[in-house]
Full PDB file with SEQRES, HELIX, SHEET, SSBOND, CRYST1, ORIGX, SCALE, CONECT and MASTER records, all heavy atoms in Angstrom:
SEQRES   1 A   35  TYR SER GLN GLY ALA LEU ASP ILE PHE ILE GLU THR ILE          
SEQRES   2 A   35  ASN ALA LEU PHE LEU THR ARG ILE ARG SER TYR TYR SER          
SEQRES   3 A   35  ILE ILE ASN ILE ILE LYS LYS ASN ARG                          
HELIX    1 AA1 GLY A    4  LEU A    6  5                                   3    
HELIX    2 AA2 ASP A    7  PHE A   17  1                                  11    
HELIX    3 AA3 THR A   19  LYS A   33  1                                  15    
CRYST1    1.000    1.000    1.000  90.00  90.00  90.00 P 1           1          
ORIGX1      1.000000  0.000000  0.000000        0.00000                         
ORIGX2      0.000000  1.000000  0.000000        0.00000                         
ORIGX3      0.000000  0.000000  1.000000        0.00000                         
SCALE1      1.000000  0.000000  0.000000        0.00000                         
SCALE2      0.000000  1.000000  0.000000        0.00000                         
SCALE3      0.000000  0.000000  1.000000        0.00000                         
ATOM      1  N   TYR A   1     -68.966 184.271  47.418  1.00  0.00           N  
ATOM      2  CA  TYR A   1     -67.619 184.532  46.846  1.00  0.00           C  
ATOM      3  C   TYR A   1     -66.601 184.648  47.954  1.00  0.00           C  
ATOM      4  O   TYR A   1     -66.695 185.434  48.805  1.00  0.00           O  
ATOM      5  CB  TYR A   1     -67.731 185.815  46.015  1.00  0.00           C  
ATOM      6  CG  TYR A   1     -66.661 186.011  45.104  1.00  0.00           C  
ATOM      7  CD1 TYR A   1     -66.804 185.520  43.642  1.00  0.00           C  
ATOM      8  CD2 TYR A   1     -65.492 186.754  45.290  1.00  0.00           C  
ATOM      9  CE1 TYR A   1     -65.782 185.681  42.819  1.00  0.00           C  
ATOM     10  CE2 TYR A   1     -64.480 186.936  44.337  1.00  0.00           C  
ATOM     11  CZ  TYR A   1     -64.613 186.329  43.252  1.00  0.00           C  
ATOM     12  OH  TYR A   1     -63.577 186.568  42.174  1.00  0.00           O  
ATOM     13  N   SER A   2     -65.581 183.809  48.016  1.00  0.00           N  
ATOM     14  CA  SER A   2     -64.525 183.867  48.863  1.00  0.00           C  
ATOM     15  C   SER A   2     -63.548 185.100  48.787  1.00  0.00           C  
ATOM     16  O   SER A   2     -63.332 185.514  47.684  1.00  0.00           O  
ATOM     17  CB  SER A   2     -63.736 182.581  48.828  1.00  0.00           C  
ATOM     18  OG  SER A   2     -64.351 181.384  48.901  1.00  0.00           O  
ATOM     19  N   GLN A   3     -63.181 185.504  49.918  1.00  0.00           N  
ATOM     20  CA  GLN A   3     -62.344 186.868  49.817  1.00  0.00           C  
ATOM     21  C   GLN A   3     -61.446 186.863  50.955  1.00  0.00           C  
ATOM     22  O   GLN A   3     -61.737 186.722  52.182  1.00  0.00           O  
ATOM     23  CB  GLN A   3     -63.203 188.004  49.640  1.00  0.00           C  
ATOM     24  CG  GLN A   3     -64.249 188.150  50.561  1.00  0.00           C  
ATOM     25  CD  GLN A   3     -65.122 189.415  50.240  1.00  0.00           C  
ATOM     26  OE1 GLN A   3     -64.614 190.452  50.007  1.00  0.00           O  
ATOM     27  NE2 GLN A   3     -66.364 189.280  50.307  1.00  0.00           N  
ATOM     28  N   GLY A   4     -60.122 187.122  50.770  1.00  0.00           N  
ATOM     29  CA  GLY A   4     -59.192 187.343  51.698  1.00  0.00           C  
ATOM     30  C   GLY A   4     -58.946 186.325  52.753  1.00  0.00           C  
ATOM     31  O   GLY A   4     -58.959 185.167  52.601  1.00  0.00           O  
ATOM     32  N   ALA A   5     -58.920 186.730  54.051  1.00  0.00           N  
ATOM     33  CA  ALA A   5     -58.530 185.854  55.204  1.00  0.00           C  
ATOM     34  C   ALA A   5     -59.850 184.901  55.434  1.00  0.00           C  
ATOM     35  O   ALA A   5     -59.593 183.862  56.150  1.00  0.00           O  
ATOM     36  CB  ALA A   5     -58.296 186.674  56.423  1.00  0.00           C  
ATOM     37  N   LEU A   6     -60.834 185.190  54.907  1.00  0.00           N  
ATOM     38  CA  LEU A   6     -62.084 184.369  55.139  1.00  0.00           C  
ATOM     39  C   LEU A   6     -62.150 183.275  54.135  1.00  0.00           C  
ATOM     40  O   LEU A   6     -63.029 182.337  54.191  1.00  0.00           O  
ATOM     41  CB  LEU A   6     -63.306 185.263  54.971  1.00  0.00           C  
ATOM     42  CG  LEU A   6     -63.536 186.255  56.137  1.00  0.00           C  
ATOM     43  CD1 LEU A   6     -64.821 187.003  55.812  1.00  0.00           C  
ATOM     44  CD2 LEU A   6     -63.718 185.728  57.465  1.00  0.00           C  
ATOM     45  N   ASP A   7     -61.178 183.111  53.242  1.00  0.00           N  
ATOM     46  CA  ASP A   7     -61.429 182.068  52.136  1.00  0.00           C  
ATOM     47  C   ASP A   7     -61.621 180.695  52.750  1.00  0.00           C  
ATOM     48  O   ASP A   7     -62.507 179.997  52.244  1.00  0.00           O  
ATOM     49  CB  ASP A   7     -60.050 182.087  51.180  1.00  0.00           C  
ATOM     50  CG  ASP A   7     -60.144 183.269  50.175  1.00  0.00           C  
ATOM     51  OD1 ASP A   7     -61.139 184.044  50.307  1.00  0.00           O  
ATOM     52  OD2 ASP A   7     -59.203 183.334  49.469  1.00  0.00           O  
ATOM     53  N   ILE A   8     -60.655 180.262  53.694  1.00  0.00           N  
ATOM     54  CA  ILE A   8     -60.681 178.875  54.116  1.00  0.00           C  
ATOM     55  C   ILE A   8     -62.110 178.599  55.033  1.00  0.00           C  
ATOM     56  O   ILE A   8     -62.714 177.613  54.661  1.00  0.00           O  
ATOM     57  CB  ILE A   8     -59.503 178.574  55.126  1.00  0.00           C  
ATOM     58  CG1 ILE A   8     -58.379 178.654  54.199  1.00  0.00           C  
ATOM     59  CG2 ILE A   8     -59.682 177.152  55.723  1.00  0.00           C  
ATOM     60  CD1 ILE A   8     -56.925 178.527  55.205  1.00  0.00           C  
ATOM     61  N   PHE A   9     -62.393 179.580  55.708  1.00  0.00           N  
ATOM     62  CA  PHE A   9     -63.650 179.362  56.517  1.00  0.00           C  
ATOM     63  C   PHE A   9     -64.844 179.266  55.456  1.00  0.00           C  
ATOM     64  O   PHE A   9     -65.746 178.313  55.642  1.00  0.00           O  
ATOM     65  CB  PHE A   9     -63.877 180.578  57.393  1.00  0.00           C  
ATOM     66  CG  PHE A   9     -65.165 180.699  58.071  1.00  0.00           C  
ATOM     67  CD1 PHE A   9     -65.446 179.634  59.121  1.00  0.00           C  
ATOM     68  CD2 PHE A   9     -66.205 181.502  57.629  1.00  0.00           C  
ATOM     69  CE1 PHE A   9     -66.682 179.640  59.868  1.00  0.00           C  
ATOM     70  CE2 PHE A   9     -67.294 181.513  58.412  1.00  0.00           C  
ATOM     71  CZ  PHE A   9     -67.690 180.609  59.495  1.00  0.00           C  
ATOM     72  N   ILE A  10     -64.935 180.143  54.546  1.00  0.00           N  
ATOM     73  CA  ILE A  10     -66.038 180.150  53.668  1.00  0.00           C  
ATOM     74  C   ILE A  10     -66.093 178.928  52.694  1.00  0.00           C  
ATOM     75  O   ILE A  10     -67.163 178.349  52.651  1.00  0.00           O  
ATOM     76  CB  ILE A  10     -66.057 181.444  52.731  1.00  0.00           C  
ATOM     77  CG1 ILE A  10     -66.200 182.704  53.542  1.00  0.00           C  
ATOM     78  CG2 ILE A  10     -67.083 181.348  51.625  1.00  0.00           C  
ATOM     79  CD1 ILE A  10     -66.216 183.969  52.848  1.00  0.00           C  
ATOM     80  N   GLU A  11     -64.910 178.438  52.265  1.00  0.00           N  
ATOM     81  CA  GLU A  11     -64.847 177.233  51.494  1.00  0.00           C  
ATOM     82  C   GLU A  11     -65.303 176.047  52.280  1.00  0.00           C  
ATOM     83  O   GLU A  11     -65.955 175.129  51.780  1.00  0.00           O  
ATOM     84  CB  GLU A  11     -63.498 177.093  50.883  1.00  0.00           C  
ATOM     85  CG  GLU A  11     -63.210 178.071  49.819  1.00  0.00           C  
ATOM     86  CD  GLU A  11     -64.218 177.984  48.617  1.00  0.00           C  
ATOM     87  OE1 GLU A  11     -64.769 176.983  48.364  1.00  0.00           O  
ATOM     88  OE2 GLU A  11     -64.471 179.132  48.000  1.00  0.00           O  
ATOM     89  N   THR A  12     -64.980 175.961  53.626  1.00  0.00           N  
ATOM     90  CA  THR A  12     -65.339 174.959  54.503  1.00  0.00           C  
ATOM     91  C   THR A  12     -66.871 174.924  54.682  1.00  0.00           C  
ATOM     92  O   THR A  12     -67.524 173.751  54.500  1.00  0.00           O  
ATOM     93  CB  THR A  12     -64.729 175.067  55.863  1.00  0.00           C  
ATOM     94  OG1 THR A  12     -63.133 175.124  55.673  1.00  0.00           O  
ATOM     95  CG2 THR A  12     -65.068 173.908  56.790  1.00  0.00           C  
ATOM     96  N   ILE A  13     -67.479 176.063  54.904  1.00  0.00           N  
ATOM     97  CA  ILE A  13     -68.810 176.119  54.962  1.00  0.00           C  
ATOM     98  C   ILE A  13     -69.520 175.666  53.708  1.00  0.00           C  
ATOM     99  O   ILE A  13     -70.469 174.905  53.596  1.00  0.00           O  
ATOM    100  CB  ILE A  13     -69.342 177.560  55.429  1.00  0.00           C  
ATOM    101  CG1 ILE A  13     -68.777 177.862  56.798  1.00  0.00           C  
ATOM    102  CG2 ILE A  13     -70.856 177.708  55.375  1.00  0.00           C  
ATOM    103  CD1 ILE A  13     -69.210 176.917  57.886  1.00  0.00           C  
ATOM    104  N   ASN A  14     -69.024 176.254  52.647  1.00  0.00           N  
ATOM    105  CA  ASN A  14     -69.492 175.789  51.238  1.00  0.00           C  
ATOM    106  C   ASN A  14     -69.479 174.281  51.059  1.00  0.00           C  
ATOM    107  O   ASN A  14     -70.302 173.730  50.468  1.00  0.00           O  
ATOM    108  CB  ASN A  14     -68.834 176.671  50.014  1.00  0.00           C  
ATOM    109  CG  ASN A  14     -69.280 177.891  49.834  1.00  0.00           C  
ATOM    110  OD1 ASN A  14     -70.352 178.290  50.270  1.00  0.00           O  
ATOM    111  ND2 ASN A  14     -68.360 178.833  49.536  1.00  0.00           N  
ATOM    112  N   ALA A  15     -68.333 173.717  51.430  1.00  0.00           N  
ATOM    113  CA  ALA A  15     -68.248 172.261  51.232  1.00  0.00           C  
ATOM    114  C   ALA A  15     -69.120 171.390  52.004  1.00  0.00           C  
ATOM    115  O   ALA A  15     -69.822 170.509  51.641  1.00  0.00           O  
ATOM    116  CB  ALA A  15     -66.737 171.898  51.597  1.00  0.00           C  
ATOM    117  N   LEU A  16     -69.395 171.809  53.304  1.00  0.00           N  
ATOM    118  CA  LEU A  16     -70.194 171.061  54.206  1.00  0.00           C  
ATOM    119  C   LEU A  16     -71.750 171.286  53.898  1.00  0.00           C  
ATOM    120  O   LEU A  16     -72.433 170.285  53.960  1.00  0.00           O  
ATOM    121  CB  LEU A  16     -69.935 171.567  55.549  1.00  0.00           C  
ATOM    122  CG  LEU A  16     -68.628 170.990  56.418  1.00  0.00           C  
ATOM    123  CD1 LEU A  16     -68.482 171.585  57.731  1.00  0.00           C  
ATOM    124  CD2 LEU A  16     -68.580 169.448  56.417  1.00  0.00           C  
ATOM    125  N   PHE A  17     -72.100 172.476  53.481  1.00  0.00           N  
ATOM    126  CA  PHE A  17     -73.567 172.689  53.487  1.00  0.00           C  
ATOM    127  C   PHE A  17     -74.014 173.159  51.946  1.00  0.00           C  
ATOM    128  O   PHE A  17     -75.132 173.572  51.786  1.00  0.00           O  
ATOM    129  CB  PHE A  17     -73.936 173.728  54.436  1.00  0.00           C  
ATOM    130  CG  PHE A  17     -73.561 173.398  55.879  1.00  0.00           C  
ATOM    131  CD1 PHE A  17     -72.536 173.972  56.563  1.00  0.00           C  
ATOM    132  CD2 PHE A  17     -74.134 172.322  56.443  1.00  0.00           C  
ATOM    133  CE1 PHE A  17     -72.197 173.718  57.802  1.00  0.00           C  
ATOM    134  CE2 PHE A  17     -73.830 172.087  57.817  1.00  0.00           C  
ATOM    135  CZ  PHE A  17     -72.868 172.635  58.456  1.00  0.00           C  
ATOM    136  N   LEU A  18     -72.950 173.110  50.927  1.00  0.00           N  
ATOM    137  CA  LEU A  18     -73.383 173.650  49.733  1.00  0.00           C  
ATOM    138  C   LEU A  18     -73.936 174.889  49.657  1.00  0.00           C  
ATOM    139  O   LEU A  18     -74.928 175.170  48.976  1.00  0.00           O  
ATOM    140  CB  LEU A  18     -74.205 172.491  49.063  1.00  0.00           C  
ATOM    141  CG  LEU A  18     -73.494 171.120  48.798  1.00  0.00           C  
ATOM    142  CD1 LEU A  18     -74.491 170.182  48.043  1.00  0.00           C  
ATOM    143  CD2 LEU A  18     -72.248 171.106  48.190  1.00  0.00           C  
ATOM    144  N   THR A  19     -73.595 175.848  50.496  1.00  0.00           N  
ATOM    145  CA  THR A  19     -74.257 177.062  50.593  1.00  0.00           C  
ATOM    146  C   THR A  19     -74.129 177.975  49.286  1.00  0.00           C  
ATOM    147  O   THR A  19     -75.038 178.654  49.014  1.00  0.00           O  
ATOM    148  CB  THR A  19     -73.628 177.965  51.754  1.00  0.00           C  
ATOM    149  OG1 THR A  19     -72.150 177.984  51.612  1.00  0.00           O  
ATOM    150  CG2 THR A  19     -74.004 177.401  53.195  1.00  0.00           C  
ATOM    151  N   ARG A  20     -73.078 177.819  48.490  1.00  0.00           N  
ATOM    152  CA  ARG A  20     -72.790 178.514  47.386  1.00  0.00           C  
ATOM    153  C   ARG A  20     -73.952 178.283  46.310  1.00  0.00           C  
ATOM    154  O   ARG A  20     -74.710 179.096  45.971  1.00  0.00           O  
ATOM    155  CB  ARG A  20     -71.450 178.365  46.813  1.00  0.00           C  
ATOM    156  CG  ARG A  20     -71.318 179.220  45.509  1.00  0.00           C  
ATOM    157  CD  ARG A  20     -69.923 178.857  44.802  1.00  0.00           C  
ATOM    158  NE  ARG A  20     -68.814 179.501  45.592  1.00  0.00           N  
ATOM    159  CZ  ARG A  20     -67.815 178.917  46.253  1.00  0.00           C  
ATOM    160  NH1 ARG A  20     -67.796 177.525  46.131  1.00  0.00           N  
ATOM    161  NH2 ARG A  20     -66.840 179.474  46.767  1.00  0.00           N  
ATOM    162  N   ILE A  21     -74.225 177.032  45.886  1.00  0.00           N  
ATOM    163  CA  ILE A  21     -75.006 176.621  44.968  1.00  0.00           C  
ATOM    164  C   ILE A  21     -76.460 176.772  45.433  1.00  0.00           C  
ATOM    165  O   ILE A  21     -77.367 177.252  44.655  1.00  0.00           O  
ATOM    166  CB  ILE A  21     -74.796 175.158  44.420  1.00  0.00           C  
ATOM    167  CG1 ILE A  21     -75.619 174.940  43.053  1.00  0.00           C  
ATOM    168  CG2 ILE A  21     -75.113 174.167  45.415  1.00  0.00           C  
ATOM    169  CD1 ILE A  21     -75.032 175.877  41.957  1.00  0.00           C  
ATOM    170  N   ARG A  22     -76.686 176.434  46.683  1.00  0.00           N  
ATOM    171  CA  ARG A  22     -77.990 176.663  47.263  1.00  0.00           C  
ATOM    172  C   ARG A  22     -78.504 178.180  47.267  1.00  0.00           C  
ATOM    173  O   ARG A  22     -79.597 178.447  46.936  1.00  0.00           O  
ATOM    174  CB  ARG A  22     -78.197 175.950  48.625  1.00  0.00           C  
ATOM    175  CG  ARG A  22     -78.095 174.555  48.526  1.00  0.00           C  
ATOM    176  CD  ARG A  22     -77.773 173.863  49.901  1.00  0.00           C  
ATOM    177  NE  ARG A  22     -78.863 174.312  50.894  1.00  0.00           N  
ATOM    178  CZ  ARG A  22     -78.707 174.721  52.095  1.00  0.00           C  
ATOM    179  NH1 ARG A  22     -77.463 175.001  52.595  1.00  0.00           N  
ATOM    180  NH2 ARG A  22     -79.721 175.069  52.903  1.00  0.00           N  
ATOM    181  N   SER A  23     -77.526 178.965  47.581  1.00  0.00           N  
ATOM    182  CA  SER A  23     -77.840 180.390  47.663  1.00  0.00           C  
ATOM    183  C   SER A  23     -78.080 180.961  46.355  1.00  0.00           C  
ATOM    184  O   SER A  23     -78.888 181.707  46.038  1.00  0.00           O  
ATOM    185  CB  SER A  23     -76.665 181.193  48.318  1.00  0.00           C  
ATOM    186  OG  SER A  23     -76.507 180.811  49.710  1.00  0.00           O  
ATOM    187  N   TYR A  24     -77.236 180.439  45.284  1.00  0.00           N  
ATOM    188  CA  TYR A  24     -77.378 180.797  43.934  1.00  0.00           C  
ATOM    189  C   TYR A  24     -78.756 180.612  43.517  1.00  0.00           C  
ATOM    190  O   TYR A  24     -79.453 181.518  42.837  1.00  0.00           O  
ATOM    191  CB  TYR A  24     -76.419 180.173  43.230  1.00  0.00           C  
ATOM    192  CG  TYR A  24     -76.669 180.321  41.715  1.00  0.00           C  
ATOM    193  CD1 TYR A  24     -76.274 181.521  40.973  1.00  0.00           C  
ATOM    194  CD2 TYR A  24     -77.128 179.281  40.903  1.00  0.00           C  
ATOM    195  CE1 TYR A  24     -76.478 181.662  39.633  1.00  0.00           C  
ATOM    196  CE2 TYR A  24     -77.389 179.378  39.474  1.00  0.00           C  
ATOM    197  CZ  TYR A  24     -77.169 180.683  38.857  1.00  0.00           C  
ATOM    198  OH  TYR A  24     -77.245 180.793  37.523  1.00  0.00           O  
ATOM    199  N   TYR A  25     -79.339 179.372  43.611  1.00  0.00           N  
ATOM    200  CA  TYR A  25     -80.721 179.000  43.091  1.00  0.00           C  
ATOM    201  C   TYR A  25     -81.711 179.774  43.862  1.00  0.00           C  
ATOM    202  O   TYR A  25     -82.734 180.200  43.233  1.00  0.00           O  
ATOM    203  CB  TYR A  25     -80.901 177.544  43.211  1.00  0.00           C  
ATOM    204  CG  TYR A  25     -80.197 176.809  42.080  1.00  0.00           C  
ATOM    205  CD1 TYR A  25     -79.406 175.709  42.286  1.00  0.00           C  
ATOM    206  CD2 TYR A  25     -80.418 177.042  40.702  1.00  0.00           C  
ATOM    207  CE1 TYR A  25     -78.803 175.004  41.347  1.00  0.00           C  
ATOM    208  CE2 TYR A  25     -79.846 176.446  39.731  1.00  0.00           C  
ATOM    209  CZ  TYR A  25     -79.011 175.401  39.967  1.00  0.00           C  
ATOM    210  OH  TYR A  25     -78.394 174.614  39.038  1.00  0.00           O  
ATOM    211  N   SER A  26     -81.509 180.002  45.243  1.00  0.00           N  
ATOM    212  CA  SER A  26     -82.419 180.836  45.819  1.00  0.00           C  
ATOM    213  C   SER A  26     -82.547 182.247  45.344  1.00  0.00           C  
ATOM    214  O   SER A  26     -83.593 182.804  45.204  1.00  0.00           O  
ATOM    215  CB  SER A  26     -82.134 180.750  47.387  1.00  0.00           C  
ATOM    216  OG  SER A  26     -82.946 181.546  48.132  1.00  0.00           O  
ATOM    217  N   ILE A  27     -81.422 182.850  45.074  1.00  0.00           N  
ATOM    218  CA  ILE A  27     -81.328 184.172  44.602  1.00  0.00           C  
ATOM    219  C   ILE A  27     -81.897 184.356  43.247  1.00  0.00           C  
ATOM    220  O   ILE A  27     -82.704 185.232  42.986  1.00  0.00           O  
ATOM    221  CB  ILE A  27     -79.769 184.630  44.511  1.00  0.00           C  
ATOM    222  CG1 ILE A  27     -79.308 184.938  45.926  1.00  0.00           C  
ATOM    223  CG2 ILE A  27     -79.779 186.023  43.816  1.00  0.00           C  
ATOM    224  CD1 ILE A  27     -77.861 185.210  46.024  1.00  0.00           C  
ATOM    225  N   ILE A  28     -81.724 183.318  42.332  1.00  0.00           N  
ATOM    226  CA  ILE A  28     -82.161 183.281  41.057  1.00  0.00           C  
ATOM    227  C   ILE A  28     -83.741 183.302  41.142  1.00  0.00           C  
ATOM    228  O   ILE A  28     -84.550 183.978  40.348  1.00  0.00           O  
ATOM    229  CB  ILE A  28     -81.756 182.033  40.193  1.00  0.00           C  
ATOM    230  CG1 ILE A  28     -80.320 182.263  39.917  1.00  0.00           C  
ATOM    231  CG2 ILE A  28     -82.470 181.910  38.946  1.00  0.00           C  
ATOM    232  CD1 ILE A  28     -79.923 183.475  39.111  1.00  0.00           C  
ATOM    233  N   ASN A  29     -84.277 182.529  42.042  1.00  0.00           N  
ATOM    234  CA  ASN A  29     -85.838 182.570  42.336  1.00  0.00           C  
ATOM    235  C   ASN A  29     -86.260 183.925  42.536  1.00  0.00           C  
ATOM    236  O   ASN A  29     -87.338 184.226  42.191  1.00  0.00           O  
ATOM    237  CB  ASN A  29     -86.092 181.486  43.240  1.00  0.00           C  
ATOM    238  CG  ASN A  29     -86.292 180.044  42.724  1.00  0.00           C  
ATOM    239  OD1 ASN A  29     -86.858 179.904  41.507  1.00  0.00           O  
ATOM    240  ND2 ASN A  29     -86.038 178.995  43.480  1.00  0.00           N  
ATOM    241  N   ILE A  30     -85.624 184.534  43.603  1.00  0.00           N  
ATOM    242  CA  ILE A  30     -86.056 185.785  44.040  1.00  0.00           C  
ATOM    243  C   ILE A  30     -85.955 186.918  42.862  1.00  0.00           C  
ATOM    244  O   ILE A  30     -86.921 187.615  42.561  1.00  0.00           O  
ATOM    245  CB  ILE A  30     -85.169 186.371  45.197  1.00  0.00           C  
ATOM    246  CG1 ILE A  30     -85.332 185.434  46.398  1.00  0.00           C  
ATOM    247  CG2 ILE A  30     -85.557 187.820  45.546  1.00  0.00           C  
ATOM    248  CD1 ILE A  30     -84.220 185.831  47.561  1.00  0.00           C  
ATOM    249  N   ILE A  31     -84.969 186.822  42.017  1.00  0.00           N  
ATOM    250  CA  ILE A  31     -84.758 187.679  40.850  1.00  0.00           C  
ATOM    251  C   ILE A  31     -85.929 187.538  39.785  1.00  0.00           C  
ATOM    252  O   ILE A  31     -86.679 188.331  39.368  1.00  0.00           O  
ATOM    253  CB  ILE A  31     -83.411 187.534  40.238  1.00  0.00           C  
ATOM    254  CG1 ILE A  31     -82.251 188.037  41.016  1.00  0.00           C  
ATOM    255  CG2 ILE A  31     -83.360 188.215  38.906  1.00  0.00           C  
ATOM    256  CD1 ILE A  31     -80.918 187.712  40.546  1.00  0.00           C  
ATOM    257  N   LYS A  32     -86.141 186.172  39.593  1.00  0.00           N  
ATOM    258  CA  LYS A  32     -87.236 185.874  38.656  1.00  0.00           C  
ATOM    259  C   LYS A  32     -88.679 186.418  39.127  1.00  0.00           C  
ATOM    260  O   LYS A  32     -89.490 186.842  38.237  1.00  0.00           O  
ATOM    261  CB  LYS A  32     -87.180 184.244  38.422  1.00  0.00           C  
ATOM    262  CG  LYS A  32     -86.217 183.891  37.446  1.00  0.00           C  
ATOM    263  CD  LYS A  32     -86.333 182.460  36.912  1.00  0.00           C  
ATOM    264  CE  LYS A  32     -85.379 182.091  35.982  1.00  0.00           C  
ATOM    265  NZ  LYS A  32     -85.602 180.758  35.232  1.00  0.00           N  
ATOM    266  N   LYS A  33     -88.889 186.158  40.306  1.00  0.00           N  
ATOM    267  CA  LYS A  33     -90.236 186.659  40.829  1.00  0.00           C  
ATOM    268  C   LYS A  33     -90.334 188.153  40.911  1.00  0.00           C  
ATOM    269  O   LYS A  33     -91.442 188.668  40.837  1.00  0.00           O  
ATOM    270  CB  LYS A  33     -90.351 186.042  42.274  1.00  0.00           C  
ATOM    271  CG  LYS A  33     -90.589 184.600  42.232  1.00  0.00           C  
ATOM    272  CD  LYS A  33     -90.771 184.026  43.663  1.00  0.00           C  
ATOM    273  CE  LYS A  33     -90.886 182.487  43.711  1.00  0.00           C  
ATOM    274  NZ  LYS A  33     -90.961 181.969  45.153  1.00  0.00           N  
ATOM    275  N   ASN A  34     -89.280 188.886  41.020  1.00  0.00           N  
ATOM    276  CA  ASN A  34     -89.371 190.401  41.304  1.00  0.00           C  
ATOM    277  C   ASN A  34     -88.313 191.039  40.169  1.00  0.00           C  
ATOM    278  O   ASN A  34     -87.771 192.008  40.502  1.00  0.00           O  
ATOM    279  CB  ASN A  34     -88.877 190.659  42.634  1.00  0.00           C  
ATOM    280  CG  ASN A  34     -89.634 189.955  43.668  1.00  0.00           C  
ATOM    281  OD1 ASN A  34     -90.757 190.232  43.948  1.00  0.00           O  
ATOM    282  ND2 ASN A  34     -89.044 188.867  44.304  1.00  0.00           N  
ATOM    283  N   ARG A  35     -88.254 190.560  39.025  1.00  0.00           N  
ATOM    284  CA  ARG A  35     -87.421 191.088  37.908  1.00  0.00           C  
ATOM    285  C   ARG A  35     -87.586 192.588  37.793  1.00  0.00           C  
ATOM    286  O   ARG A  35     -86.650 193.358  37.872  1.00  0.00           O  
ATOM    287  CB  ARG A  35     -87.425 190.346  36.738  1.00  0.00           C  
ATOM    288  CG  ARG A  35     -86.239 190.556  35.702  1.00  0.00           C  
ATOM    289  CD  ARG A  35     -86.628 189.952  34.374  1.00  0.00           C  
ATOM    290  NE  ARG A  35     -86.869 188.581  34.425  1.00  0.00           N  
ATOM    291  CZ  ARG A  35     -86.053 187.532  34.396  1.00  0.00           C  
ATOM    292  NH1 ARG A  35     -84.724 187.912  34.323  1.00  0.00           N  
ATOM    293  NH2 ARG A  35     -86.449 186.362  34.401  1.00  0.00           N  
TER     294      ARG A  35                                                      
MASTER        0    0    0    3    0    0    0    6  293    1    0    3          
END                                                                             
């Protein structure tokens, strides 16, 4: 989630490495295994 002054930096990282969607699926896996 982007916030404040870090918006541009975070969105750049997300665009280059798809960190948002990859992190999302990784977190969902952790939740499902340890619900």
